[in-house]
C-alpha atoms as a PDB file:
ATOM      1  CA  MET A   1     190.368-104.141 133.138  1.00  0.00           C
ATOM      2  CA  SER A   2     191.037-102.172 136.182  1.00  0.00           C
ATOM      3  CA  LYS A   3     189.481-102.811 139.624  1.00  0.00           C
ATOM      4  CA  ASN A   4     188.826-100.804 142.649  1.00  0.00           C
ATOM      5  CA  PRO A   5     191.480-102.123 144.969  1.00  0.00           C
ATOM      6  CA  GLY A   6     190.141-102.775 148.405  1.00  0.00           C
ATOM      7  CA  GLY A   7     186.510-102.583 147.418  1.00  0.00           C
ATOM      8  CA  LYS A   8     186.646 -98.751 147.830  1.00  0.00           C
ATOM      9  CA  THR A   9     183.892 -96.461 146.431  1.00  0.00           C
ATOM     10  CA  ASN A  10     185.046 -94.479 143.315  1.00  0.00           C
ATOM     11  CA  PRO A  11     184.040 -90.906 144.274  1.00  0.00           C
ATOM     12  CA  LEU A  12     183.582 -89.965 140.587  1.00  0.00           C
ATOM     13  CA  LEU A  13     181.365 -93.083 139.853  1.00  0.00           C
ATOM     14  CA  ALA A  14     179.280 -92.389 142.934  1.00  0.00           C
ATOM     15  CA  ALA A  15     179.038 -88.538 141.772  1.00  0.00           C
ATOM     16  CA  GLU A  16     177.916 -89.772 138.417  1.00  0.00           C
ATOM     17  CA  ARG A  17     175.301 -92.301 139.879  1.00  0.00           C
ATOM     18  CA  ALA A  18     173.824 -89.573 142.256  1.00  0.00           C
ATOM     19  CA  ASP A  19     173.656 -87.028 139.520  1.00  0.00           C
ATOM     20  CA  ARG A  20     172.024 -89.658 137.226  1.00  0.00           C
ATOM     21  CA  ASN A  21     169.462 -90.607 139.823  1.00  0.00           C
ATOM     22  CA  ARG A  22     168.753 -86.928 140.674  1.00  0.00           C
ATOM     23  CA  LYS A  23     167.846 -86.498 136.856  1.00  0.00           C
ATOM     24  CA  ILE A  24     165.742 -89.384 136.597  1.00  0.00           C
ATOM     25  CA  PHE A  25     163.985 -88.233 139.804  1.00  0.00           C
ATOM     26  CA  ILE A  26     163.453 -84.909 138.413  1.00  0.00           C
ATOM     27  CA  GLN A  27     161.996 -86.130 135.025  1.00  0.00           C
ATOM     28  CA  VAL A  28     159.599 -88.756 136.893  1.00  0.00           C
ATOM     29  CA  ALA A  29     158.346 -85.699 139.048  1.00  0.00           C
ATOM     30  CA  VAL A  30     157.996 -83.537 135.965  1.00  0.00           C
ATOM     31  CA  ALA A  31     156.065 -86.184 134.030  1.00  0.00           C
ATOM     32  CA  ALA A  32     153.764 -86.760 137.311  1.00  0.00           C
ATOM     33  CA  VAL A  33     153.051 -83.027 137.590  1.00  0.00           C
ATOM     34  CA  LEU A  34     152.259 -82.784 133.825  1.00  0.00           C
ATOM     35  CA  VAL A  35     150.037 -86.027 134.259  1.00  0.00           C
ATOM     36  CA  GLY A  36     148.260 -84.406 137.092  1.00  0.00           C
ATOM     37  CA  LEU A  37     147.966 -81.009 135.207  1.00  0.00           C
ATOM     38  CA  VAL A  38     146.395 -82.784 132.085  1.00  0.00           C
ATOM     39  CA  ALA A  39     144.106 -84.627 134.434  1.00  0.00           C
ATOM     40  CA  ALA A  40     143.127 -81.501 136.091  1.00  0.00           C
ATOM     41  CA  ILE A  41     142.482 -79.667 132.774  1.00  0.00           C
ATOM     42  CA  GLY A  42     140.533 -82.624 131.604  1.00  0.00           C
ATOM     43  CA  ILE A  43     138.273 -82.655 134.762  1.00  0.00           C
ATOM     44  CA  GLY A  44     138.063 -78.779 134.462  1.00  0.00           C
ATOM     45  CA  ILE A  45     136.834 -78.974 130.982  1.00  0.00           C
ATOM     46  CA  ALA A  46     134.379 -81.742 131.955  1.00  0.00           C
ATOM     47  CA  VAL A  47     132.855 -80.020 134.631  1.00  0.00           C
ATOM     48  CA  LYS A  48     132.375 -76.817 132.703  1.00  0.00           C
ATOM     49  CA  LYS A  49     130.785 -78.857 129.872  1.00  0.00           C
ATOM     50  CA  ALA A  50     128.505 -80.545 132.321  1.00  0.00           C
ATOM     51  CA  ARG A  51     127.698 -77.224 133.947  1.00  0.00           C
ATOM     52  CA  LYS A  52     126.765 -75.888 130.473  1.00  0.00           C
ATOM     53  CA  ASP A  53     124.873 -78.785 129.286  1.00  0.00           C
ATOM     54  CA  ASP A  54     122.742 -79.005 132.480  1.00  0.00           C
ATOM     55  CA  PRO A  55     119.280 -77.993 131.535  1.00  0.00           C
ATOM     56  CA  GLY A  56     118.586 -76.957 135.150  1.00  0.00           C
ATOM     57  CA  PRO A  57     115.307 -77.221 136.826  1.00  0.00           C
ATOM     58  CA  THR A  58     112.128 -77.791 134.856  1.00  0.00           C
ATOM     59  CA  PRO A  59     109.020 -75.982 136.139  1.00  0.00           C
ATOM     60  CA  SER A  60     105.880 -78.053 136.734  1.00  0.00           C
ATOM     61  CA  ILE A  61     102.431 -77.684 137.995  1.00  0.00           C
ATOM     62  CA  ALA A  62     101.126 -80.551 140.222  1.00  0.00           C
ATOM     63  CA  ALA A  63      98.030 -82.328 139.133  1.00  0.00           C
ATOM     64  CA  THR A  64      96.663 -82.259 142.620  1.00  0.00           C
ATOM     65  CA  GLY A  65      97.520 -78.419 142.752  1.00  0.00           C
ATOM     66  CA  SER A  66      96.319 -77.471 139.551  1.00  0.00           C
ATOM     67  CA  MET A  67      92.917 -76.357 140.539  1.00  0.00           C
ATOM     68  CA  ASN A  68      91.667 -74.754 143.711  1.00  0.00           C
ATOM     69  CA  ALA A  69      88.136 -73.510 144.648  1.00  0.00           C
ATOM     70  CA  GLY A  70      88.437 -70.859 141.725  1.00  0.00           C
ATOM     71  CA  GLY A  71      88.362 -73.548 139.224  1.00  0.00           C
ATOM     72  CA  THR A  72      90.943 -72.598 136.989  1.00  0.00           C
ATOM     73  CA  PRO A  73      93.342 -75.498 136.056  1.00  0.00           C
ATOM     74  CA  GLY A  74      96.865 -74.893 135.090  1.00  0.00           C
ATOM     75  CA  SER A  75      99.897 -76.798 133.456  1.00  0.00           C
ATOM     76  CA  ILE A  76     103.221 -76.469 131.589  1.00  0.00           C
ATOM     77  CA  THR A  77     103.085 -77.097 127.815  1.00  0.00           C
ATOM     78  CA  ASP A  78     106.045 -79.032 126.076  1.00  0.00           C
ATOM     79  CA  ASN A  79     107.276 -75.838 124.819  1.00  0.00           C
ATOM     80  CA  GLY A  80     107.322 -74.163 128.014  1.00  0.00           C
ATOM     81  CA  ALA A  81     104.312 -72.135 128.182  1.00  0.00           C
ATOM     82  CA  VAL A  82     102.239 -71.533 131.147  1.00  0.00           C
ATOM     83  CA  ARG A  83      98.501 -72.878 130.186  1.00  0.00           C
ATOM     84  CA  ILE A  84      95.773 -71.451 132.044  1.00  0.00           C
ATOM     85  CA  GLY A  85      92.295 -72.760 131.535  1.00  0.00           C
ATOM     86  CA  LYS A  86      90.201 -76.013 130.946  1.00  0.00           C
ATOM     87  CA  PRO A  87      91.990 -78.518 128.811  1.00  0.00           C
ATOM     88  CA  ASP A  88      88.918 -79.274 126.633  1.00  0.00           C
ATOM     89  CA  ALA A  89      88.138 -75.440 125.898  1.00  0.00           C
ATOM     90  CA  LYS A  90      87.460 -75.054 122.147  1.00  0.00           C
ATOM     91  CA  VAL A  91      89.690 -72.248 121.775  1.00  0.00           C
ATOM     92  CA  THR A  92      93.561 -72.134 122.275  1.00  0.00           C
ATOM     93  CA  VAL A  93      95.053 -68.636 122.603  1.00  0.00           C
ATOM     94  CA  ARG A  94      98.853 -68.507 122.507  1.00  0.00           C
ATOM     95  CA  VAL A  95     100.631 -65.470 123.789  1.00  0.00           C
ATOM     96  CA  ILE A  96     104.282 -65.066 123.152  1.00  0.00           C
ATOM     97  CA  ALA A  97     105.607 -62.069 125.227  1.00  0.00           C
ATOM     98  CA  ASP A  98     108.513 -60.534 126.894  1.00  0.00           C
ATOM     99  CA  LEU A  99     107.842 -58.730 130.270  1.00  0.00           C
ATOM    100  CA  GLN A 100     110.184 -55.950 129.257  1.00  0.00           C
ATOM    101  CA  CYS A 101     108.361 -55.596 125.966  1.00  0.00           C
ATOM    102  CA  PRO A 102     106.280 -52.025 125.825  1.00  0.00           C
ATOM    103  CA  ALA A 103     104.141 -53.497 122.869  1.00  0.00           C
ATOM    104  CA  CYS A 104     103.295 -56.670 125.163  1.00  0.00           C
ATOM    105  CA  LYS A 105     101.946 -54.274 127.694  1.00  0.00           C
ATOM    106  CA  ALA A 106      99.816 -52.586 125.143  1.00  0.00           C
ATOM    107  CA  PHE A 107      98.355 -55.983 124.358  1.00  0.00           C
ATOM    108  CA  GLU A 108      97.778 -57.067 127.821  1.00  0.00           C
ATOM    109  CA  ALA A 109      96.127 -53.612 128.606  1.00  0.00           C
ATOM    110  CA  ALA A 110      93.964 -53.874 125.813  1.00  0.00           C
ATOM    111  CA  ASN A 111      93.094 -57.741 126.265  1.00  0.00           C
ATOM    112  CA  THR A 112      93.738 -58.799 129.900  1.00  0.00           C
ATOM    113  CA  GLN A 113      89.993 -58.924 130.520  1.00  0.00           C
ATOM    114  CA  VAL A 114      89.238 -60.695 127.479  1.00  0.00           C
ATOM    115  CA  LEU A 115      91.615 -63.467 128.108  1.00  0.00           C
ATOM    116  CA  ALA A 116      90.356 -63.704 131.830  1.00  0.00           C
ATOM    117  CA  ASP A 117      86.727 -63.881 130.820  1.00  0.00           C
ATOM    118  CA  ALA A 118      87.526 -66.613 128.212  1.00  0.00           C
ATOM    119  CA  VAL A 119      89.417 -68.820 130.767  1.00  0.00           C
ATOM    120  CA  ASN A 120      86.700 -68.179 133.402  1.00  0.00           C
ATOM    121  CA  ASN A 121      83.820 -69.003 131.142  1.00  0.00           C
ATOM    122  CA  GLY A 122      85.565 -72.029 129.654  1.00  0.00           C
ATOM    123  CA  THR A 123      85.721 -70.519 125.980  1.00  0.00           C
ATOM    124  CA  ALA A 124      89.542 -70.601 125.981  1.00  0.00           C
ATOM    125  CA  LYS A 125      92.621 -71.842 127.471  1.00  0.00           C
ATOM    126  CA  VAL A 126      95.517 -69.416 127.092  1.00  0.00           C
ATOM    127  CA  GLU A 127      99.218 -70.499 126.866  1.00  0.00           C
ATOM    128  CA  TYR A 128     101.711 -67.861 127.888  1.00  0.00           C
ATOM    129  CA  ASN A 129     105.005 -68.084 126.323  1.00  0.00           C
ATOM    130  CA  ILE A 130     106.961 -65.531 128.500  1.00  0.00           C
ATOM    131  CA  ILE A 131     110.415 -65.402 126.871  1.00  0.00           C
ATOM    132  CA  ALA A 132     113.579 -63.329 127.664  1.00  0.00           C
ATOM    133  CA  PHE A 133     115.317 -61.813 124.732  1.00  0.00           C
ATOM    134  CA  LEU A 134     115.095 -58.218 125.755  1.00  0.00           C
ATOM    135  CA  ASP A 135     117.855 -58.702 128.487  1.00  0.00           C
ATOM    136  CA  LYS A 136     119.876 -55.880 126.752  1.00  0.00           C
ATOM    137  CA  ALA A 137     117.077 -53.480 127.520  1.00  0.00           C
ATOM    138  CA  SER A 138     118.229 -53.475 131.178  1.00  0.00           C
ATOM    139  CA  THR A 139     121.238 -53.573 133.030  1.00  0.00           C
ATOM    140  CA  THR A 140     120.201 -56.407 135.298  1.00  0.00           C
ATOM    141  CA  GLN A 141     118.732 -58.895 132.897  1.00  0.00           C
ATOM    142  CA  TYR A 142     115.195 -57.966 133.787  1.00  0.00           C
ATOM    143  CA  SER A 143     113.602 -59.976 131.066  1.00  0.00           C
ATOM    144  CA  SER A 144     115.161 -63.215 132.372  1.00  0.00           C
ATOM    145  CA  ARG A 145     114.433 -62.556 135.903  1.00  0.00           C
ATOM    146  CA  ALA A 146     110.867 -61.581 135.419  1.00  0.00           C
ATOM    147  CA  ALA A 147     110.273 -64.539 133.042  1.00  0.00           C
ATOM    148  CA  ASN A 148     111.854 -66.726 135.958  1.00  0.00           C
ATOM    149  CA  ALA A 149     109.225 -65.193 138.198  1.00  0.00           C
ATOM    150  CA  SER A 150     106.530 -66.065 135.953  1.00  0.00           C
ATOM    151  CA  TYR A 151     107.401 -69.696 136.428  1.00  0.00           C
ATOM    152  CA  CYS A 152     107.728 -69.343 140.236  1.00  0.00           C
ATOM    153  CA  VAL A 153     104.195 -68.161 140.372  1.00  0.00           C
ATOM    154  CA  ALA A 154     102.791 -70.215 137.800  1.00  0.00           C
ATOM    155  CA  GLU A 155     103.836 -73.604 139.631  1.00  0.00           C
ATOM    156  CA  SER A 156     102.660 -72.133 142.983  1.00  0.00           C
ATOM    157  CA  ASP A 157      99.131 -71.557 141.994  1.00  0.00           C
ATOM    158  CA  PRO A 158      97.943 -70.872 138.495  1.00  0.00           C
ATOM    159  CA  THR A 159      94.725 -69.680 139.507  1.00  0.00           C
ATOM    160  CA  LYS A 160      96.211 -66.220 140.364  1.00  0.00           C
ATOM    161  CA  TYR A 161      98.647 -66.196 137.443  1.00  0.00           C
ATOM    162  CA  GLN A 162      96.582 -63.881 134.892  1.00  0.00           C
ATOM    163  CA  ALA A 163      96.307 -61.135 137.870  1.00  0.00           C
ATOM    164  CA  TRP A 164      99.947 -61.470 138.561  1.00  0.00           C
ATOM    165  CA  LEU A 165     100.956 -61.057 134.809  1.00  0.00           C
ATOM    166  CA  ALA A 166      98.640 -57.853 134.568  1.00  0.00           C
ATOM    167  CA  ALA A 167     100.298 -56.528 137.567  1.00  0.00           C
ATOM    168  CA  MET A 168     103.718 -57.182 135.884  1.00  0.00           C
ATOM    169  CA  PHE A 169     102.796 -55.501 132.854  1.00  0.00           C
ATOM    170  CA  ALA A 170     101.110 -52.526 134.872  1.00  0.00           C
ATOM    171  CA  GLN A 171     104.453 -51.989 136.541  1.00  0.00           C
ATOM    172  CA  GLN A 172     106.718 -52.519 133.790  1.00  0.00           C
ATOM    173  CA  PRO A 173     110.102 -50.600 133.957  1.00  0.00           C
ATOM    174  CA  ALA A 174     111.267 -48.412 131.291  1.00  0.00           C
ATOM    175  CA  GLU A 175     113.662 -49.644 128.766  1.00  0.00           C
ATOM    176  CA  GLY A 176     117.334 -49.063 129.141  1.00  0.00           C
ATOM    177  CA  GLY A 177     117.185 -48.793 132.919  1.00  0.00           C
ATOM    178  CA  SER A 178     117.958 -51.245 135.844  1.00  0.00           C
ATOM    179  CA  GLY A 179     114.655 -53.017 135.640  1.00  0.00           C
ATOM    180  CA  LEU A 180     112.634 -53.817 138.695  1.00  0.00           C
ATOM    181  CA  PRO A 181     114.829 -55.388 141.615  1.00  0.00           C
ATOM    182  CA  ASP A 182     114.174 -58.783 143.114  1.00  0.00           C
ATOM    183  CA  ASP A 183     112.379 -57.385 146.106  1.00  0.00           C
ATOM    184  CA  LYS A 184     110.003 -55.483 143.930  1.00  0.00           C
ATOM    185  CA  LEU A 185     109.240 -58.765 141.846  1.00  0.00           C
ATOM    186  CA  ILE A 186     108.614 -60.452 145.406  1.00  0.00           C
ATOM    187  CA  GLN A 187     106.309 -57.805 146.352  1.00  0.00           C
ATOM    188  CA  ILE A 188     104.220 -57.699 143.193  1.00  0.00           C
ATOM    189  CA  ALA A 189     103.986 -61.533 143.735  1.00  0.00           C
ATOM    190  CA  LYS A 190     102.738 -61.172 147.446  1.00  0.00           C
ATOM    191  CA  ASP A 191     100.195 -58.350 146.338  1.00  0.00           C
ATOM    192  CA  ALA A 192      98.818 -60.907 143.763  1.00  0.00           C
ATOM    193  CA  GLY A 193      98.395 -63.480 146.672  1.00  0.00           C
ATOM    194  CA  TYR A 194     101.843 -65.579 146.372  1.00  0.00           C
ATOM    195  CA  THR A 195     102.894 -65.358 150.012  1.00  0.00           C
ATOM    196  CA  ASP A 196     104.735 -68.619 150.122  1.00  0.00           C
ATOM    197  CA  ASP A 197     108.550 -68.208 150.992  1.00  0.00           C
ATOM    198  CA  ALA A 198     109.398 -70.646 148.265  1.00  0.00           C
ATOM    199  CA  VAL A 199     108.163 -68.085 145.900  1.00  0.00           C
ATOM    200  CA  ALA A 200     110.395 -65.444 147.138  1.00  0.00           C
ATOM    201  CA  GLU A 201     113.235 -68.056 147.002  1.00  0.00           C
ATOM    202  CA  CYS A 202     112.621 -69.034 143.515  1.00  0.00           C
ATOM    203  CA  ILE A 203     112.578 -65.466 142.473  1.00  0.00           C
ATOM    204  CA  THR A 204     116.176 -64.525 144.130  1.00  0.00           C
ATOM    205  CA  GLU A 205     117.689 -67.766 143.135  1.00  0.00           C
ATOM    206  CA  ARG A 206     116.704 -67.605 139.455  1.00  0.00           C
ATOM    207  CA  LYS A 207     115.830 -70.893 139.814  1.00  0.00           C
ATOM    208  CA  TYR A 208     114.564 -71.429 136.024  1.00  0.00           C
ATOM    209  CA  ASP A 209     117.151 -69.213 134.436  1.00  0.00           C
ATOM    210  CA  LYS A 210     118.520 -72.107 132.357  1.00  0.00           C
ATOM    211  CA  TYR A 211     115.154 -73.208 131.258  1.00  0.00           C
ATOM    212  CA  ILE A 212     114.032 -69.715 130.269  1.00  0.00           C
ATOM    213  CA  GLN A 213     117.338 -69.354 128.152  1.00  0.00           C
ATOM    214  CA  ALA A 214     116.530 -72.721 126.143  1.00  0.00           C
ATOM    215  CA  ARG A 215     112.849 -72.084 125.585  1.00  0.00           C
ATOM    216  CA  THR A 216     113.566 -68.516 124.548  1.00  0.00           C
ATOM    217  CA  LYS A 217     115.999 -69.894 122.079  1.00  0.00           C
ATOM    218  CA  ASP A 218     113.652 -72.579 120.785  1.00  0.00           C
ATOM    219  CA  VAL A 219     110.839 -69.840 120.173  1.00  0.00           C
ATOM    220  CA  LEU A 220     113.123 -67.663 118.356  1.00  0.00           C
ATOM    221  CA  GLU A 221     114.495 -70.484 116.032  1.00  0.00           C
ATOM    222  CA  SER A 222     110.851 -71.538 115.398  1.00  0.00           C
ATOM    223  CA  GLY A 223     110.397 -68.147 113.440  1.00  0.00           C
ATOM    224  CA  ILE A 224     109.162 -65.833 115.981  1.00  0.00           C
ATOM    225  CA  GLN A 225     110.369 -62.392 114.926  1.00  0.00           C
ATOM    226  CA  SER A 226     108.816 -60.091 117.661  1.00  0.00           C
ATOM    227  CA  THR A 227     106.424 -59.827 120.578  1.00  0.00           C
ATOM    228  CA  PRO A 228     103.724 -59.884 121.258  1.00  0.00           C
ATOM    229  CA  SER A 229     102.893 -62.840 118.832  1.00  0.00           C
ATOM    230  CA  ILE A 230      99.214 -63.927 119.253  1.00  0.00           C
ATOM    231  CA  PHE A 231      97.908 -67.201 117.888  1.00  0.00           C
ATOM    232  CA  VAL A 232      94.355 -68.096 117.992  1.00  0.00           C
ATOM    233  CA  ASN A 233      93.826 -71.958 117.387  1.00  0.00           C
ATOM    234  CA  GLY A 234      97.126 -71.929 115.818  1.00  0.00           C
ATOM    235  CA  LYS A 235      96.688 -69.071 113.301  1.00  0.00           C
ATOM    236  CA  GLN A 236      98.675 -65.991 113.819  1.00  0.00           C
ATOM    237  CA  ILE A 237      96.803 -62.697 114.448  1.00  0.00           C
ATOM    238  CA  GLN A 238      98.260 -60.012 112.297  1.00  0.00           C
ATOM    239  CA  SER A 239      95.719 -57.140 112.905  1.00  0.00           C
ATOM    240  CA  SER A 240      96.606 -54.390 115.071  1.00  0.00           C
ATOM    241  CA  GLN A 241      92.853 -53.867 116.030  1.00  0.00           C
ATOM    242  CA  GLU A 242      92.537 -57.399 117.560  1.00  0.00           C
ATOM    243  CA  ILE A 243      95.903 -56.950 119.353  1.00  0.00           C
ATOM    244  CA  PHE A 244      95.909 -53.444 120.585  1.00  0.00           C
ATOM    245  CA  ALA A 245      92.361 -52.069 120.395  1.00  0.00           C
ATOM    246  CA  PRO A 246      90.490 -52.333 123.573  1.00  0.00           C
ATOM    247  CA  GLY A 247      88.938 -55.836 123.680  1.00  0.00           C
ATOM    248  CA  GLY A 248      90.102 -56.268 120.249  1.00  0.00           C
ATOM    249  CA  LEU A 249      90.626 -60.275 120.526  1.00  0.00           C
ATOM    250  CA  ALA A 250      87.117 -60.769 122.012  1.00  0.00           C
ATOM    251  CA  PRO A 251      85.367 -61.235 118.552  1.00  0.00           C
ATOM    252  CA  THR A 252      88.302 -63.449 117.260  1.00  0.00           C
ATOM    253  CA  ILE A 253      87.973 -65.835 120.230  1.00  0.00           C
ATOM    254  CA  ALA A 254      84.223 -65.879 120.053  1.00  0.00           C
ATOM    255  CA  ALA A 255      84.183 -66.640 116.093  1.00  0.00           C
ATOM    256  CA  ALA A 256      86.729 -69.424 116.806  1.00  0.00           C
ATOM    257  CA  ALA A 257      84.564 -70.964 119.407  1.00  0.00           C
ATOM    258  CA  GLN A 258      81.722 -71.625 116.985  1.00  0.00           C
END
């Protein structure tokens, strides 16, 4: 066995040791980077999943604010409909509509007064399921933005909701265009009496967008094929006369109230 005379450092061994330590350091550093990268990817995936799964805010109408001097109660149903009218009304009318839908505009024009009268005299409560499946009919997702505005105004004051809805349909933009801009949606709301800044903020921030997409999916998966789809006490109305003729739904509501 040879020995290092005089305890001197062997340059070759020192070089090998330094090289080995350098390799170990590089391997540890690479491993640490890989662990950090995997962790970062995992966190990124988790964050994206959490954002995707987040249902977003849920609209509501406070019980204390659901009725003002006008005497018209409002609420949000389990399926996301804006319910206008007295809870104990004999007749329930359900309206499934998209604010970009021309046929829905025709229904509204024909029956807006019928539904307003039925609510005001206590005969019926009307549940408005405003969905957003026609986003492709505009370049700015107008259906979703308009449906969001529907919740914004409803939770602010349901007593003005039907008048607001009539105004929205009256100013419905043509399909294939850009749709009404947010400032126009805010102006329509203000003209209907919604002057609270919170309503304007709700519209511009698209506060209920995720909720709308989820409820639209639910409605379409329930078997609804087109809009408007109208139900009176759970029975779907198929007659074009009842849906599109001026005042056409009045006899149906009157018969259901008997």
